[in-house]
PDB file of N, CA and C in Angstrom:
ATOM      1  N   UNK A   1     138.673  70.618 270.983  1.00  0.00           N
ATOM      2  CA  UNK A   1     137.927  69.376 271.291  1.00  0.00           C
ATOM      3  C   UNK A   1     139.070  68.249 271.778  1.00  0.00           C
ATOM      4  N   UNK A   2     138.555  67.610 272.931  1.00  0.00           N
ATOM      5  CA  UNK A   2     139.588  66.711 273.308  1.00  0.00           C
ATOM      6  C   UNK A   2     139.400  65.402 272.398  1.00  0.00           C
ATOM      7  N   UNK A   3     140.531  64.641 272.085  1.00  0.00           N
ATOM      8  CA  UNK A   3     140.586  63.514 271.575  1.00  0.00           C
ATOM      9  C   UNK A   3     140.303  62.409 272.380  1.00  0.00           C
ATOM     10  N   UNK A   4     139.105  61.498 272.294  1.00  0.00           N
ATOM     11  CA  UNK A   4     138.631  60.197 273.092  1.00  0.00           C
ATOM     12  C   UNK A   4     139.390  59.031 272.936  1.00  0.00           C
ATOM     13  N   UNK A   5     139.892  58.665 274.171  1.00  0.00           N
ATOM     14  CA  UNK A   5     140.885  57.666 274.092  1.00  0.00           C
ATOM     15  C   UNK A   5     140.038  56.048 274.138  1.00  0.00           C
ATOM     16  N   UNK A   6     140.504  55.184 273.766  1.00  0.00           N
ATOM     17  CA  UNK A   6     139.816  54.235 273.803  1.00  0.00           C
ATOM     18  C   UNK A   6     140.269  53.369 274.953  1.00  0.00           C
ATOM     19  N   UNK A   7     138.888  52.710 275.798  1.00  0.00           N
ATOM     20  CA  UNK A   7     138.920  51.975 276.758  1.00  0.00           C
ATOM     21  C   UNK A   7     139.907  50.407 276.755  1.00  0.00           C
ATOM     22  N   UNK A   8     139.776  50.097 275.349  1.00  0.00           N
ATOM     23  CA  UNK A   8     140.200  48.661 274.993  1.00  0.00           C
ATOM     24  C   UNK A   8     141.831  48.639 275.179  1.00  0.00           C
ATOM     25  N   UNK A   9     142.135  47.647 275.456  1.00  0.00           N
ATOM     26  CA  UNK A   9     143.797  47.586 275.749  1.00  0.00           C
ATOM     27  C   UNK A   9     144.027  46.235 274.878  1.00  0.00           C
ATOM     28  N   UNK A  10     145.026  46.454 274.066  1.00  0.00           N
ATOM     29  CA  UNK A  10     145.238  44.949 273.388  1.00  0.00           C
ATOM     30  C   UNK A  10     146.335  43.962 274.494  1.00  0.00           C
ATOM     31  N   UNK A  11     145.854  42.915 274.517  1.00  0.00           N
ATOM     32  CA  UNK A  11     146.825  42.107 275.569  1.00  0.00           C
ATOM     33  C   UNK A  11     147.435  41.433 274.696  1.00  0.00           C
ATOM     34  N   UNK A  12     148.861  41.160 274.803  1.00  0.00           N
ATOM     35  CA  UNK A  12     149.842  40.240 274.028  1.00  0.00           C
ATOM     36  C   UNK A  12     150.214  39.102 274.903  1.00  0.00           C
ATOM     37  N   UNK A  13     149.945  37.973 274.184  1.00  0.00           N
ATOM     38  CA  UNK A  13     150.285  36.832 274.793  1.00  0.00           C
ATOM     39  C   UNK A  13     151.713  36.333 274.193  1.00  0.00           C
ATOM     40  N   UNK A  14     152.604  36.179 274.960  1.00  0.00           N
ATOM     41  CA  UNK A  14     153.802  36.017 274.903  1.00  0.00           C
ATOM     42  C   UNK A  14     154.221  34.422 275.286  1.00  0.00           C
ATOM     43  N   UNK A  15     153.467  33.541 275.869  1.00  0.00           N
ATOM     44  CA  UNK A  15     153.353  32.472 276.591  1.00  0.00           C
ATOM     45  C   UNK A  15     152.844  31.230 276.018  1.00  0.00           C
ATOM     46  N   UNK A  16     152.576  31.380 274.187  1.00  0.00           N
ATOM     47  CA  UNK A  16     152.200  30.423 273.724  1.00  0.00           C
ATOM     48  C   UNK A  16     153.505  29.596 273.209  1.00  0.00           C
ATOM     49  N   UNK A  17     152.794  28.227 273.483  1.00  0.00           N
ATOM     50  CA  UNK A  17     153.969  26.974 273.141  1.00  0.00           C
ATOM     51  C   UNK A  17     152.956  26.290 272.445  1.00  0.00           C
ATOM     52  N   UNK A  18     153.727  25.120 271.508  1.00  0.00           N
ATOM     53  CA  UNK A  18     153.244  23.808 271.258  1.00  0.00           C
ATOM     54  C   UNK A  18     152.885  23.444 272.550  1.00  0.00           C
ATOM     55  N   UNK A  19     151.925  22.264 272.072  1.00  0.00           N
ATOM     56  CA  UNK A  19     151.352  21.493 273.081  1.00  0.00           C
ATOM     57  C   UNK A  19     152.198  20.335 273.537  1.00  0.00           C
ATOM     58  N   UNK A  20     152.180  19.658 274.545  1.00  0.00           N
ATOM     59  CA  UNK A  20     153.150  18.500 274.615  1.00  0.00           C
ATOM     60  C   UNK A  20     152.698  17.346 273.603  1.00  0.00           C
ATOM     61  N   UNK A  21     153.415  16.575 273.253  1.00  0.00           N
ATOM     62  CA  UNK A  21     153.351  15.514 272.596  1.00  0.00           C
ATOM     63  C   UNK A  21     153.519  14.165 273.126  1.00  0.00           C
ATOM     64  N   UNK A  22     153.031  13.158 272.917  1.00  0.00           N
ATOM     65  CA  UNK A  22     153.042  12.071 273.694  1.00  0.00           C
ATOM     66  C   UNK A  22     153.501  10.964 272.776  1.00  0.00           C
ATOM     67  N   UNK A  23     154.479   9.759 272.931  1.00  0.00           N
ATOM     68  CA  UNK A  23     154.772   9.138 272.345  1.00  0.00           C
ATOM     69  C   UNK A  23     153.999   7.732 272.511  1.00  0.00           C
ATOM     70  N   UNK A  24     153.529   6.646 271.662  1.00  0.00           N
ATOM     71  CA  UNK A  24     152.827   5.539 271.982  1.00  0.00           C
ATOM     72  C   UNK A  24     154.026   4.224 271.320  1.00  0.00           C
ATOM     73  N   UNK A  25     153.994   3.773 272.645  1.00  0.00           N
ATOM     74  CA  UNK A  25     155.028   2.554 272.187  1.00  0.00           C
ATOM     75  C   UNK A  25     154.445   1.172 272.353  1.00  0.00           C
ATOM     76  N   UNK A  26     154.621   0.288 271.641  1.00  0.00           N
ATOM     77  CA  UNK A  26     154.071  -1.228 271.572  1.00  0.00           C
ATOM     78  C   UNK A  26     155.077  -2.160 271.835  1.00  0.00           C
ATOM     79  N   UNK A  27     154.861  -3.041 272.777  1.00  0.00           N
ATOM     80  CA  UNK A  27     156.067  -3.985 273.244  1.00  0.00           C
ATOM     81  C   UNK A  27     155.401  -5.327 272.602  1.00  0.00           C
ATOM     82  N   UNK A  28     156.738  -6.234 272.541  1.00  0.00           N
ATOM     83  CA  UNK A  28     156.446  -7.613 272.345  1.00  0.00           C
ATOM     84  C   UNK A  28     156.265  -8.407 273.490  1.00  0.00           C
ATOM     85  N   UNK A  29     155.728  -9.614 273.052  1.00  0.00           N
ATOM     86  CA  UNK A  29     155.134 -10.501 274.043  1.00  0.00           C
ATOM     87  C   UNK A  29     155.092 -11.974 273.289  1.00  0.00           C
ATOM     88  N   UNK A  30     155.075 -12.949 274.002  1.00  0.00           N
ATOM     89  CA  UNK A  30     155.099 -14.236 273.429  1.00  0.00           C
ATOM     90  C   UNK A  30     153.949 -14.824 273.020  1.00  0.00           C
ATOM     91  N   UNK A  31     152.605 -14.163 273.120  1.00  0.00           N
ATOM     92  CA  UNK A  31     151.394 -14.639 272.776  1.00  0.00           C
ATOM     93  C   UNK A  31     150.693 -13.940 272.025  1.00  0.00           C
ATOM     94  N   UNK A  32     150.862 -12.639 271.885  1.00  0.00           N
ATOM     95  CA  UNK A  32     150.124 -11.949 270.564  1.00  0.00           C
ATOM     96  C   UNK A  32     150.675 -11.943 269.246  1.00  0.00           C
ATOM     97  N   UNK A  33     149.529 -12.543 268.422  1.00  0.00           N
ATOM     98  CA  UNK A  33     150.266 -13.087 266.909  1.00  0.00           C
ATOM     99  C   UNK A  33     150.477 -11.897 266.115  1.00  0.00           C
ATOM    100  N   UNK A  34     151.414 -11.976 265.315  1.00  0.00           N
ATOM    101  CA  UNK A  34     152.082 -11.016 264.355  1.00  0.00           C
ATOM    102  C   UNK A  34     150.918 -10.646 263.654  1.00  0.00           C
ATOM    103  N   UNK A  35     149.730 -11.385 263.013  1.00  0.00           N
ATOM    104  CA  UNK A  35     148.809 -10.736 262.252  1.00  0.00           C
ATOM    105  C   UNK A  35     147.845  -9.869 263.361  1.00  0.00           C
ATOM    106  N   UNK A  36     147.807 -10.190 264.649  1.00  0.00           N
ATOM    107  CA  UNK A  36     146.750  -9.257 265.412  1.00  0.00           C
ATOM    108  C   UNK A  36     147.376  -7.895 265.356  1.00  0.00           C
ATOM    109  N   UNK A  37     148.795  -7.873 265.983  1.00  0.00           N
ATOM    110  CA  UNK A  37     149.594  -6.572 265.828  1.00  0.00           C
ATOM    111  C   UNK A  37     149.554  -5.668 264.462  1.00  0.00           C
ATOM    112  N   UNK A  38     149.507  -6.374 263.440  1.00  0.00           N
ATOM    113  CA  UNK A  38     149.292  -5.551 261.958  1.00  0.00           C
ATOM    114  C   UNK A  38     147.721  -4.980 262.064  1.00  0.00           C
ATOM    115  N   UNK A  39     146.852  -5.962 262.480  1.00  0.00           N
ATOM    116  CA  UNK A  39     145.597  -5.610 262.555  1.00  0.00           C
ATOM    117  C   UNK A  39     145.271  -4.160 263.242  1.00  0.00           C
ATOM    118  N   UNK A  40     146.149  -4.083 264.767  1.00  0.00           N
ATOM    119  CA  UNK A  40     146.126  -3.008 265.549  1.00  0.00           C
ATOM    120  C   UNK A  40     146.483  -1.801 264.976  1.00  0.00           C
ATOM    121  N   UNK A  41     147.884  -1.945 264.174  1.00  0.00           N
ATOM    122  CA  UNK A  41     148.297  -1.069 263.594  1.00  0.00           C
ATOM    123  C   UNK A  41     147.918  -0.578 262.602  1.00  0.00           C
ATOM    124  N   UNK A  42     146.871  -1.278 261.807  1.00  0.00           N
ATOM    125  CA  UNK A  42     146.219  -0.545 260.408  1.00  0.00           C
ATOM    126  C   UNK A  42     144.746  -0.144 261.024  1.00  0.00           C
ATOM    127  N   UNK A  43     144.193  -1.002 261.873  1.00  0.00           N
ATOM    128  CA  UNK A  43     143.049  -0.493 262.271  1.00  0.00           C
ATOM    129  C   UNK A  43     142.931   0.724 263.423  1.00  0.00           C
ATOM    130  N   UNK A  44     143.912   0.930 264.081  1.00  0.00           N
ATOM    131  CA  UNK A  44     143.777   1.662 265.215  1.00  0.00           C
ATOM    132  C   UNK A  44     144.865   3.332 264.927  1.00  0.00           C
ATOM    133  N   UNK A  45     145.929   2.882 264.630  1.00  0.00           N
ATOM    134  CA  UNK A  45     146.825   3.809 264.278  1.00  0.00           C
ATOM    135  C   UNK A  45     146.930   4.178 262.753  1.00  0.00           C
ATOM    136  N   UNK A  46     146.215   3.821 262.037  1.00  0.00           N
ATOM    137  CA  UNK A  46     145.711   3.985 260.461  1.00  0.00           C
ATOM    138  C   UNK A  46     147.023   3.863 259.796  1.00  0.00           C
ATOM    139  N   UNK A  47     148.159   2.983 259.856  1.00  0.00           N
ATOM    140  CA  UNK A  47     149.260   2.685 258.981  1.00  0.00           C
ATOM    141  C   UNK A  47     148.820   1.944 258.081  1.00  0.00           C
ATOM    142  N   UNK A  48     149.839   2.045 256.935  1.00  0.00           N
ATOM    143  CA  UNK A  48     149.617   1.219 255.622  1.00  0.00           C
ATOM    144  C   UNK A  48     150.052  -0.247 256.348  1.00  0.00           C
ATOM    145  N   UNK A  49     149.389  -1.214 255.340  1.00  0.00           N
ATOM    146  CA  UNK A  49     149.847  -2.300 255.483  1.00  0.00           C
ATOM    147  C   UNK A  49     151.376  -2.761 255.302  1.00  0.00           C
ATOM    148  N   UNK A  50     152.072  -2.129 254.746  1.00  0.00           N
ATOM    149  CA  UNK A  50     153.601  -2.178 254.425  1.00  0.00           C
ATOM    150  C   UNK A  50     154.141  -1.553 255.722  1.00  0.00           C
ATOM    151  N   UNK A  51     153.715  -0.305 256.194  1.00  0.00           N
ATOM    152  CA  UNK A  51     154.469   0.365 257.285  1.00  0.00           C
ATOM    153  C   UNK A  51     153.954  -0.750 258.525  1.00  0.00           C
ATOM    154  N   UNK A  52     152.664  -1.027 258.869  1.00  0.00           N
ATOM    155  CA  UNK A  52     152.198  -2.044 259.966  1.00  0.00           C
ATOM    156  C   UNK A  52     153.422  -3.248 260.276  1.00  0.00           C
ATOM    157  N   UNK A  53     153.555  -3.698 258.916  1.00  0.00           N
ATOM    158  CA  UNK A  53     154.512  -4.843 258.800  1.00  0.00           C
ATOM    159  C   UNK A  53     155.790  -4.743 259.405  1.00  0.00           C
ATOM    160  N   UNK A  54     156.382  -3.450 258.789  1.00  0.00           N
ATOM    161  CA  UNK A  54     157.506  -2.950 259.250  1.00  0.00           C
ATOM    162  C   UNK A  54     157.559  -2.814 260.697  1.00  0.00           C
ATOM    163  N   UNK A  55     156.662  -2.363 261.527  1.00  0.00           N
ATOM    164  CA  UNK A  55     156.758  -1.927 262.753  1.00  0.00           C
ATOM    165  C   UNK A  55     156.568  -3.029 263.341  1.00  0.00           C
ATOM    166  N   UNK A  56     155.880  -4.200 263.267  1.00  0.00           N
ATOM    167  CA  UNK A  56     155.653  -5.538 263.835  1.00  0.00           C
ATOM    168  C   UNK A  56     156.972  -6.203 263.732  1.00  0.00           C
ATOM    169  N   UNK A  57     157.607  -6.365 262.732  1.00  0.00           N
ATOM    170  CA  UNK A  57     158.683  -6.627 262.684  1.00  0.00           C
ATOM    171  C   UNK A  57     159.982  -6.182 263.685  1.00  0.00           C
ATOM    172  N   UNK A  58     159.925  -4.857 263.965  1.00  0.00           N
ATOM    173  CA  UNK A  58     160.593  -3.776 264.568  1.00  0.00           C
ATOM    174  C   UNK A  58     160.356  -4.482 265.960  1.00  0.00           C
ATOM    175  N   UNK A  59     159.018  -4.418 266.248  1.00  0.00           N
ATOM    176  CA  UNK A  59     158.598  -5.027 267.735  1.00  0.00           C
ATOM    177  C   UNK A  59     159.104  -6.426 267.936  1.00  0.00           C
ATOM    178  N   UNK A  60     158.931  -7.247 266.963  1.00  0.00           N
ATOM    179  CA  UNK A  60     159.347  -8.644 267.227  1.00  0.00           C
ATOM    180  C   UNK A  60     160.891  -8.745 267.260  1.00  0.00           C
ATOM    181  N   UNK A  61     161.885  -8.076 266.627  1.00  0.00           N
ATOM    182  CA  UNK A  61     163.090  -8.220 266.715  1.00  0.00           C
ATOM    183  C   UNK A  61     163.847  -7.228 268.012  1.00  0.00           C
ATOM    184  N   UNK A  62     163.202  -6.122 268.400  1.00  0.00           N
ATOM    185  CA  UNK A  62     163.760  -5.234 269.223  1.00  0.00           C
ATOM    186  C   UNK A  62     162.748  -5.168 270.388  1.00  0.00           C
ATOM    187  N   UNK A  63     161.953  -5.699 270.670  1.00  0.00           N
ATOM    188  CA  UNK A  63     160.984  -5.775 271.713  1.00  0.00           C
ATOM    189  C   UNK A  63     160.233  -4.900 271.778  1.00  0.00           C
ATOM    190  N   UNK A  64     160.087  -3.728 271.023  1.00  0.00           N
ATOM    191  CA  UNK A  64     159.434  -2.563 271.326  1.00  0.00           C
ATOM    192  C   UNK A  64     159.468  -1.622 270.054  1.00  0.00           C
ATOM    193  N   UNK A  65     158.435  -0.707 269.996  1.00  0.00           N
ATOM    194  CA  UNK A  65     158.437   0.140 268.680  1.00  0.00           C
ATOM    195  C   UNK A  65     157.815   1.288 269.238  1.00  0.00           C
ATOM    196  N   UNK A  66     157.937   2.434 268.525  1.00  0.00           N
ATOM    197  CA  UNK A  66     157.264   3.782 268.478  1.00  0.00           C
ATOM    198  C   UNK A  66     156.364   3.677 267.490  1.00  0.00           C
ATOM    199  N   UNK A  67     155.104   3.625 268.013  1.00  0.00           N
ATOM    200  CA  UNK A  67     153.694   3.807 266.421  1.00  0.00           C
ATOM    201  C   UNK A  67     153.496   4.975 266.264  1.00  0.00           C
ATOM    202  N   UNK A  68     153.682   5.709 267.187  1.00  0.00           N
ATOM    203  CA  UNK A  68     152.781   7.212 266.770  1.00  0.00           C
ATOM    204  C   UNK A  68     153.349   8.309 267.981  1.00  0.00           C
ATOM    205  N   UNK A  69     153.321   9.508 267.210  1.00  0.00           N
ATOM    206  CA  UNK A  69     153.370  10.691 268.435  1.00  0.00           C
ATOM    207  C   UNK A  69     152.005  11.608 268.318  1.00  0.00           C
ATOM    208  N   UNK A  70     151.426  11.682 269.333  1.00  0.00           N
ATOM    209  CA  UNK A  70     149.980  12.529 269.173  1.00  0.00           C
ATOM    210  C   UNK A  70     149.930  13.502 270.380  1.00  0.00           C
ATOM    211  N   UNK A  71     148.938  14.084 270.366  1.00  0.00           N
ATOM    212  CA  UNK A  71     148.448  14.806 271.578  1.00  0.00           C
ATOM    213  C   UNK A  71     148.164  13.972 272.720  1.00  0.00           C
ATOM    214  N   UNK A  72     148.165  14.135 274.063  1.00  0.00           N
ATOM    215  CA  UNK A  72     147.733  13.311 275.243  1.00  0.00           C
ATOM    216  C   UNK A  72     146.353  12.612 274.987  1.00  0.00           C
ATOM    217  N   UNK A  73     145.461  13.305 274.587  1.00  0.00           N
ATOM    218  CA  UNK A  73     144.202  12.708 274.440  1.00  0.00           C
ATOM    219  C   UNK A  73     144.085  11.691 273.460  1.00  0.00           C
ATOM    220  N   UNK A  74     144.529  12.060 272.145  1.00  0.00           N
ATOM    221  CA  UNK A  74     144.603  11.221 271.274  1.00  0.00           C
ATOM    222  C   UNK A  74     145.568   9.768 271.386  1.00  0.00           C
ATOM    223  N   UNK A  75     146.646   9.875 272.039  1.00  0.00           N
ATOM    224  CA  UNK A  75     147.501   8.713 272.485  1.00  0.00           C
ATOM    225  C   UNK A  75     146.805   7.950 273.526  1.00  0.00           C
ATOM    226  N   UNK A  76     146.441   8.617 274.621  1.00  0.00           N
ATOM    227  CA  UNK A  76     145.527   7.564 275.360  1.00  0.00           C
ATOM    228  C   UNK A  76     143.982   6.819 274.656  1.00  0.00           C
ATOM    229  N   UNK A  77     143.428   7.378 274.113  1.00  0.00           N
ATOM    230  CA  UNK A  77     142.289   6.871 273.366  1.00  0.00           C
ATOM    231  C   UNK A  77     143.015   6.067 272.595  1.00  0.00           C
ATOM    232  N   UNK A  78     144.015   6.075 271.721  1.00  0.00           N
ATOM    233  CA  UNK A  78     144.407   4.764 270.886  1.00  0.00           C
ATOM    234  C   UNK A  78     144.663   3.664 271.641  1.00  0.00           C
ATOM    235  N   UNK A  79     145.191   4.036 272.437  1.00  0.00           N
ATOM    236  CA  UNK A  79     146.055   2.889 273.275  1.00  0.00           C
ATOM    237  C   UNK A  79     144.947   2.047 274.235  1.00  0.00           C
ATOM    238  N   UNK A  80     144.017   2.880 274.769  1.00  0.00           N
ATOM    239  CA  UNK A  80     142.733   2.282 275.426  1.00  0.00           C
ATOM    240  C   UNK A  80     141.823   1.302 274.216  1.00  0.00           C
ATOM    241  N   UNK A  81     141.684   1.915 273.158  1.00  0.00           N
ATOM    242  CA  UNK A  81     140.973   1.168 272.091  1.00  0.00           C
ATOM    243  C   UNK A  81     141.907  -0.149 271.487  1.00  0.00           C
ATOM    244  N   UNK A  82     143.063  -0.036 271.443  1.00  0.00           N
ATOM    245  CA  UNK A  82     144.059  -1.019 271.159  1.00  0.00           C
ATOM    246  C   UNK A  82     143.980  -2.202 272.106  1.00  0.00           C
ATOM    247  N   UNK A  83     144.096  -1.868 273.507  1.00  0.00           N
ATOM    248  CA  UNK A  83     144.376  -2.832 274.888  1.00  0.00           C
ATOM    249  C   UNK A  83     142.828  -3.326 274.769  1.00  0.00           C
ATOM    250  N   UNK A  84     141.549  -2.544 274.571  1.00  0.00           N
ATOM    251  CA  UNK A  84     140.704  -3.300 274.479  1.00  0.00           C
ATOM    252  C   UNK A  84     140.224  -4.578 273.269  1.00  0.00           C
ATOM    253  N   UNK A  85     140.541  -4.283 272.177  1.00  0.00           N
ATOM    254  CA  UNK A  85     140.542  -5.143 271.292  1.00  0.00           C
ATOM    255  C   UNK A  85     141.587  -6.379 271.541  1.00  0.00           C
ATOM    256  N   UNK A  86     142.288  -5.966 271.890  1.00  0.00           N
ATOM    257  CA  UNK A  86     143.784  -7.226 272.522  1.00  0.00           C
ATOM    258  C   UNK A  86     143.116  -8.199 273.590  1.00  0.00           C
ATOM    259  N   UNK A  87     142.213  -7.401 274.764  1.00  0.00           N
ATOM    260  CA  UNK A  87     141.732  -8.470 275.502  1.00  0.00           C
ATOM    261  C   UNK A  87     140.548  -9.043 275.436  1.00  0.00           C
ATOM    262  N   UNK A  88     139.900  -8.649 274.397  1.00  0.00           N
ATOM    263  CA  UNK A  88     138.589  -9.377 273.683  1.00  0.00           C
ATOM    264  C   UNK A  88     139.084 -10.525 272.838  1.00  0.00           C
ATOM    265  N   UNK A  89     140.204 -10.353 272.309  1.00  0.00           N
ATOM    266  CA  UNK A  89     140.913 -11.715 271.731  1.00  0.00           C
ATOM    267  C   UNK A  89     141.599 -12.249 272.571  1.00  0.00           C
ATOM    268  N   UNK A  90     142.062 -11.969 273.726  1.00  0.00           N
ATOM    269  CA  UNK A  90     142.722 -13.119 274.721  1.00  0.00           C
ATOM    270  C   UNK A  90     144.109 -12.589 274.559  1.00  0.00           C
ATOM    271  N   UNK A  91     144.674 -11.367 274.173  1.00  0.00           N
ATOM    272  CA  UNK A  91     145.812 -11.102 273.976  1.00  0.00           C
ATOM    273  C   UNK A  91     146.632 -10.371 275.027  1.00  0.00           C
ATOM    274  N   UNK A  92     147.721 -10.577 275.750  1.00  0.00           N
ATOM    275  CA  UNK A  92     148.289  -9.680 276.786  1.00  0.00           C
ATOM    276  C   UNK A  92     148.950  -8.323 276.097  1.00  0.00           C
ATOM    277  N   UNK A  93     148.624  -7.857 274.895  1.00  0.00           N
ATOM    278  CA  UNK A  93     149.449  -6.925 274.273  1.00  0.00           C
ATOM    279  C   UNK A  93     149.517  -5.449 275.195  1.00  0.00           C
ATOM    280  N   UNK A  94     150.555  -5.058 275.235  1.00  0.00           N
ATOM    281  CA  UNK A  94     150.987  -4.058 276.155  1.00  0.00           C
ATOM    282  C   UNK A  94     151.602  -2.518 275.419  1.00  0.00           C
ATOM    283  N   UNK A  95     151.028  -1.485 275.530  1.00  0.00           N
ATOM    284  CA  UNK A  95     151.306  -0.434 275.089  1.00  0.00           C
ATOM    285  C   UNK A  95     151.223   0.683 276.083  1.00  0.00           C
ATOM    286  N   UNK A  96     152.326   1.905 275.992  1.00  0.00           N
ATOM    287  CA  UNK A  96     152.354   2.825 276.827  1.00  0.00           C
ATOM    288  C   UNK A  96     152.367   4.108 276.045  1.00  0.00           C
ATOM    289  N   UNK A  97     151.913   5.196 276.976  1.00  0.00           N
ATOM    290  CA  UNK A  97     152.021   6.638 276.386  1.00  0.00           C
ATOM    291  C   UNK A  97     153.126   7.514 277.345  1.00  0.00           C
ATOM    292  N   UNK A  98     153.947   7.962 276.770  1.00  0.00           N
ATOM    293  CA  UNK A  98     155.147   8.526 277.491  1.00  0.00           C
ATOM    294  C   UNK A  98     155.280   9.927 276.816  1.00  0.00           C
ATOM    295  N   UNK A  99     155.798  11.243 277.512  1.00  0.00           N
ATOM    296  CA  UNK A  99     156.048  12.114 277.040  1.00  0.00           C
ATOM    297  C   UNK A  99     157.185  12.344 276.039  1.00  0.00           C
ATOM    298  N   UNK A 100     157.181  12.750 274.939  1.00  0.00           N
ATOM    299  CA  UNK A 100     158.169  12.942 273.947  1.00  0.00           C
ATOM    300  C   UNK A 100     159.144  13.829 274.267  1.00  0.00           C
ATOM    301  N   UNK A 101     160.479  13.425 274.278  1.00  0.00           N
ATOM    302  CA  UNK A 101     161.424  14.084 274.510  1.00  0.00           C
ATOM    303  C   UNK A 101     161.873  15.122 273.723  1.00  0.00           C
ATOM    304  N   UNK A 102     162.402  16.373 274.394  1.00  0.00           N
ATOM    305  CA  UNK A 102     162.370  17.657 273.296  1.00  0.00           C
ATOM    306  C   UNK A 102     163.773  17.744 272.553  1.00  0.00           C
TER     307      UNK A 102
END
């Protein structure tokens, strides 16, 4: 009796990698209030009040700060939401999404 061979082959994937991550940077300007920046950091980026205030001060003193590292979709969604909130309040708040350096 001959052995029956399986017609199913196992496929091995060797090209698995972590997805690219993107950093969201917030920039200082002369018009957006410190209180509004803290509001954006707590409501959109889910920072604690203390962490939001520390980041706001970093932006104030260094002109910019990285507020988080996310997948591309999450990063762009958060930037869009924060920018829309800023425009509604009349602030020119600027945020960018850039690939994280490896």
